[in-house]
Amino acid sequence: MEAEIEKNREEMFLSGHEMAGLIFAVHEKGAAFRFKAPGSSMCPSIRDKDILTLSPLQGMAPLPGEVAAFRRPRANRLILHRVIKRKGKSYFFRGDGQHHIDACIPQENIVGVVTQVERGGKALFRPDRIRHPLLTRLYFRSYLVYLNLRRFLKTIFKRFIKK
């Protein structure tokens, strides 16, 4: 029976504006929303076509280091990036695979927080909704060190290969 359901399942493609509206409607009911990640701006932690679970904030503010979805104030796009820092009721985001920081995003434009990433049918991580700010910051800082070291080694490796 499950194989038959899987066989008949179709994919639905929505614009960023439509997706944000659907996510808001699901989150208003207090439920999490699962979808297939489009794009590679969060590579290597989240890859194109990974299955993500986006949970409602439920009165909690996202912490630096967490991955959250937000709407740009003037665009009809839904963006999924990592929280870099908080300044008052505004947030700065950046994709793991990008060098530039997104513009300042007001808290009311944040749609939800990624609580699970699935790749190849297996859950990669599922952070608890009970979060410890120090652990989140330590994880994020160690991840940034890893990314910078990786870029540095890649540059050095390319120079030696060319010689």
Protein backbone atom coordinates (compact mmCIF):
# COMPACT_ATOMS: atom_id res chain seq x y z
CA MET A 1 0.00 0.00 0.00
CA GLU A 2 2.81 2.47 0.91
CA ALA A 3 4.63 1.75 -2.35
CA GLU A 4 1.43 2.56 -4.26
CA ILE A 5 1.07 5.87 -2.41
CA GLU A 6 4.73 6.75 -3.12
CA LYS A 7 4.25 5.89 -6.80
CA ASN A 8 1.24 8.22 -7.13
CA ARG A 9 2.82 11.11 -5.21
CA GLU A 10 3.38 14.15 -7.38
CA GLU A 11 5.63 17.13 -6.78
CA MET A 12 4.12 20.58 -6.52
CA PHE A 13 6.20 23.65 -7.39
CA LEU A 14 5.28 26.93 -5.71
CA SER A 15 6.71 30.43 -6.00
CA GLY A 16 8.41 31.87 -2.92
CA HIS A 17 5.35 34.02 -2.20
CA GLU A 18 2.97 31.05 -2.46
CA MET A 19 5.29 28.89 -0.35
CA ALA A 20 5.50 31.55 2.38
CA GLY A 21 1.70 31.83 2.46
CA LEU A 22 1.30 28.06 2.75
CA ILE A 23 3.94 27.83 5.49
CA PHE A 24 2.26 30.65 7.46
CA ALA A 25 -1.11 28.86 7.18
CA VAL A 26 0.38 25.57 8.43
CA HIS A 27 2.31 27.32 11.24
CA GLU A 28 -0.87 29.14 12.39
CA LYS A 29 -2.23 25.68 13.21
CA GLY A 30 0.93 25.02 15.28
CA ALA A 31 2.21 22.35 12.87
CA ALA A 32 5.62 21.95 11.24
CA PHE A 33 6.00 22.16 7.44
CA ARG A 34 8.11 19.71 5.38
CA PHE A 35 9.44 20.61 1.95
CA LYS A 36 12.25 19.94 -0.49
CA ALA A 37 15.07 22.50 -0.29
CA PRO A 38 15.65 24.40 -3.52
CA GLY A 39 19.14 25.73 -4.22
CA SER A 40 22.59 25.35 -2.75
CA SER A 41 23.22 28.55 -0.77
CA MET A 42 23.34 26.51 2.46
CA CYS A 43 25.75 23.87 1.15
CA PRO A 44 27.34 21.79 2.70
CA SER A 45 24.99 21.64 5.71
CA ILE A 46 21.81 21.71 3.59
CA ARG A 47 21.98 20.59 -0.03
CA ASP A 48 19.66 21.03 -2.98
CA LYS A 49 16.70 18.61 -2.69
CA ASP A 50 17.23 17.78 1.03
CA ILE A 51 13.92 17.41 2.87
CA LEU A 52 13.57 20.07 5.57
CA THR A 53 11.19 20.41 8.48
CA LEU A 54 10.43 24.04 9.25
CA SER A 55 8.88 24.53 12.69
CA PRO A 56 6.96 27.60 13.88
CA LEU A 57 8.77 29.94 16.25
CA GLN A 58 5.97 29.75 18.86
CA GLY A 59 7.09 32.93 20.60
CA MET A 60 10.77 31.94 20.64
CA ALA A 61 13.32 34.04 18.79
CA PRO A 62 15.88 32.26 16.58
CA LEU A 63 19.41 32.19 17.99
CA PRO A 64 22.68 32.85 16.16
CA GLY A 65 23.77 29.63 14.51
CA GLU A 66 20.27 28.34 13.76
CA VAL A 67 18.92 27.99 10.23
CA ALA A 68 15.71 29.94 9.67
CA ALA A 69 13.41 30.87 6.80
CA PHE A 70 12.50 34.50 6.20
CA ARG A 71 10.85 36.77 3.67
CA ARG A 72 12.78 39.73 2.31
CA PRO A 73 10.87 42.93 3.12
CA ARG A 74 10.48 44.07 -0.52
CA ALA A 75 10.62 40.79 -2.44
CA ASN A 76 8.22 37.89 -2.72
CA ARG A 77 10.93 35.31 -2.03
CA LEU A 78 11.36 32.89 0.82
CA ILE A 79 15.03 32.57 1.86
CA LEU A 80 16.57 29.90 4.08
CA HIS A 81 19.85 30.99 5.72
CA ARG A 82 21.73 30.80 9.01
CA VAL A 83 21.24 33.49 11.68
CA ILE A 84 24.54 35.39 12.06
CA LYS A 85 23.59 37.93 14.71
CA ARG A 86 20.70 39.72 16.29
CA LYS A 87 20.46 43.48 16.71
CA GLY A 88 17.37 44.54 18.63
CA LYS A 89 14.37 43.02 16.85
CA SER A 90 16.28 42.59 13.58
CA TYR A 91 18.46 39.75 12.35
CA PHE A 92 21.36 39.28 9.98
CA PHE A 93 21.52 36.05 7.95
CA ARG A 94 24.02 34.37 5.65
CA GLY A 95 24.03 31.22 3.58
CA ASP A 96 26.76 28.73 4.55
CA GLY A 97 28.02 28.67 0.96
CA GLN A 98 28.05 32.45 0.56
CA HIS A 99 30.39 35.25 1.56
CA HIS A 100 27.95 38.16 1.86
CA ILE A 101 25.56 38.79 4.73
CA ASP A 102 21.88 39.37 3.92
CA ALA A 103 20.34 42.73 4.70
CA CYS A 104 18.86 43.40 8.13
CA ILE A 105 15.64 41.36 8.43
CA PRO A 106 12.89 42.39 10.89
CA GLN A 107 11.71 39.68 13.29
CA GLU A 108 8.16 39.68 11.87
CA ASN A 109 9.55 38.48 8.51
CA ILE A 110 11.00 35.30 10.03
CA VAL A 111 8.80 32.35 9.06
CA GLY A 112 10.28 29.50 11.13
CA VAL A 113 13.34 27.52 12.18
CA VAL A 114 14.70 24.36 10.54
CA THR A 115 14.39 21.52 13.06
CA GLN A 116 15.27 18.56 10.83
CA VAL A 117 17.21 17.86 7.66
CA GLU A 118 16.78 14.57 5.77
CA ARG A 119 19.05 13.35 3.00
CA GLY A 120 18.63 10.03 1.25
CA GLY A 121 15.82 9.04 3.60
CA LYS A 122 17.95 9.53 6.74
CA ALA A 123 17.66 12.31 9.31
CA LEU A 124 20.93 14.26 9.50
CA PHE A 125 20.14 16.33 12.56
CA ARG A 126 17.22 17.35 14.71
CA PRO A 127 18.07 20.12 17.14
CA ASP A 128 15.82 20.36 20.16
CA ARG A 129 13.49 23.33 20.47
CA ILE A 130 14.94 23.77 23.97
CA ARG A 131 18.10 25.56 22.97
CA HIS A 132 21.18 26.57 24.85
CA PRO A 133 22.59 29.86 23.49
CA LEU A 134 26.21 29.09 24.41
CA LEU A 135 26.19 25.68 22.70
CA THR A 136 24.55 27.15 19.59
CA ARG A 137 27.18 29.90 19.36
CA LEU A 138 30.05 27.44 19.95
CA TYR A 139 28.73 25.13 17.22
CA PHE A 140 28.32 28.02 14.80
CA ARG A 141 31.80 29.44 15.49
CA SER A 142 33.44 26.03 15.07
CA TYR A 143 31.49 25.59 11.83
CA LEU A 144 32.78 28.97 10.55
CA VAL A 145 36.35 27.93 11.40
CA TYR A 146 35.77 24.70 9.47
CA LEU A 147 34.45 26.60 6.41
CA ASN A 148 37.32 29.09 6.43
CA LEU A 149 39.91 26.33 6.86
CA ARG A 150 38.32 24.38 4.02
CA ARG A 151 38.43 27.41 1.70
CA PHE A 152 42.05 28.09 2.67
CA LEU A 153 43.14 24.50 2.04
CA LYS A 154 41.25 24.43 -1.25
CA THR A 155 43.12 27.57 -2.40
CA ILE A 156 46.49 26.13 -1.35
CA PHE A 157 45.71 22.82 -3.03
CA LYS A 158 44.78 24.57 -6.29
CA ARG A 159 48.09 26.50 -6.27
CA PHE A 160 50.13 23.31 -5.86
CA ILE A 161 48.19 21.51 -8.58
CA LYS A 162 48.85 24.31 -11.10
CA LYS A 163 52.63 24.14 -10.57
